[in-house]
Amino acid sequence: PLSRTLGAAKLYEDAVRHVREAQPHWNRTGGRDHIFTFAFDEGSCFAPKEARSAVLLTRWGQTNARWPVGKSFTSYYGDKWDRAR
């Protein structure tokens, strides 16, 4: 089974695929006039690359641009993908 974070990333990937195939609006602008909401800690870090042209609305604003790569900053232990197993 996927972690909650990877499951959410798959959900967004599936959503982008559906909108691209079923609606002409995404393809008209490449998604720039669409909004995706991310309610979990690391938000848009897990947005699929196809969704990154859209507005990514997250409560934290984390995009990994300022944070060390390979480090999870979530406060929910079950989603800490970098913890030792």
Protein backbone atom coordinates (compact mmCIF):
# COMPACT_ATOMS: atom_id res chain seq x y z
CA PRO A 1 0.00 0.00 0.00
CA LEU A 2 1.07 3.57 -0.70
CA SER A 3 1.79 6.02 2.10
CA ARG A 4 -0.77 8.78 2.55
CA THR A 5 1.56 11.25 0.84
CA LEU A 6 2.27 9.05 -2.18
CA GLY A 7 -1.41 8.14 -2.35
CA ALA A 8 -2.29 11.83 -2.48
CA ALA A 9 0.29 12.40 -5.24
CA LYS A 10 -1.29 9.56 -7.24
CA LEU A 11 -4.72 11.10 -6.70
CA TYR A 12 -3.55 14.44 -8.15
CA GLU A 13 -1.83 12.69 -11.03
CA ASP A 14 -5.07 10.87 -11.85
CA ALA A 15 -7.04 14.12 -11.53
CA VAL A 16 -4.77 15.95 -13.98
CA ARG A 17 -4.99 13.05 -16.43
CA HIS A 18 -8.80 13.06 -16.20
CA VAL A 19 -9.11 16.81 -16.71
CA ARG A 20 -6.68 16.76 -19.65
CA GLU A 21 -8.59 13.96 -21.35
CA ALA A 22 -12.19 14.93 -20.51
CA GLN A 23 -12.15 18.73 -20.60
CA PRO A 24 -10.74 21.02 -23.30
CA HIS A 25 -10.03 23.87 -20.88
CA TRP A 26 -6.81 22.44 -19.40
CA ASN A 27 -5.24 21.98 -22.80
CA ARG A 28 -6.12 25.51 -23.89
CA THR A 29 -3.81 27.09 -21.30
CA GLY A 30 -1.69 24.17 -20.13
CA GLY A 31 -3.46 24.35 -16.77
CA ARG A 32 -2.42 27.91 -15.91
CA ASP A 33 -6.04 28.89 -15.17
CA HIS A 34 -6.68 25.97 -12.81
CA ILE A 35 -6.26 25.69 -9.04
CA PHE A 36 -5.25 22.64 -7.00
CA THR A 37 -5.55 22.65 -3.23
CA PHE A 38 -3.12 20.73 -1.03
CA ALA A 39 -4.20 20.30 2.58
CA PHE A 40 -1.28 18.24 3.89
CA ASP A 41 1.98 19.51 5.37
CA GLU A 42 4.31 19.22 2.43
CA GLY A 43 1.67 20.36 0.04
CA SER A 44 2.81 21.04 -3.47
CA CYS A 45 6.10 19.15 -3.05
CA PHE A 46 4.20 16.11 -4.25
CA ALA A 47 2.28 17.80 -7.05
CA PRO A 48 2.78 15.93 -10.31
CA LYS A 49 4.88 17.84 -12.84
CA GLU A 50 1.83 18.10 -15.12
CA ALA A 51 0.04 20.16 -12.44
CA ARG A 52 2.85 22.61 -11.71
CA SER A 53 1.66 25.13 -14.27
CA ALA A 54 -1.58 25.51 -12.29
CA VAL A 55 -2.00 27.58 -9.12
CA LEU A 56 -0.97 25.33 -6.21
CA LEU A 57 -2.78 26.44 -3.07
CA THR A 58 -1.33 25.04 0.15
CA ARG A 59 -1.56 26.03 3.79
CA TRP A 60 2.20 25.92 4.25
CA GLY A 61 3.69 27.07 0.96
CA GLN A 62 6.37 24.39 0.94
CA THR A 63 7.79 23.75 -2.52
CA ASN A 64 11.25 22.47 -1.50
CA ALA A 65 12.81 25.54 -3.13
CA ARG A 66 14.31 26.68 0.20
CA TRP A 67 14.51 23.37 2.04
CA PRO A 68 17.12 20.62 1.96
CA VAL A 69 16.34 17.99 -0.64
CA GLY A 70 15.62 14.57 0.80
CA LYS A 71 14.29 15.82 4.15
CA SER A 72 10.68 15.53 5.27
CA PHE A 73 9.33 18.44 7.34
CA THR A 74 5.87 17.08 8.05
CA SER A 75 4.62 17.14 11.62
CA TYR A 76 2.59 13.96 11.11
CA TYR A 77 4.88 11.05 11.93
CA GLY A 78 3.05 8.62 9.64
CA ASP A 79 3.95 10.80 6.64
CA LYS A 80 7.65 11.25 7.44
CA TRP A 81 9.07 9.54 4.38
CA ASP A 82 12.69 10.20 5.40
CA ARG A 83 12.60 8.46 8.78
CA ALA A 84 14.78 5.44 9.36
CA ARG A 85 12.84 2.22 8.91
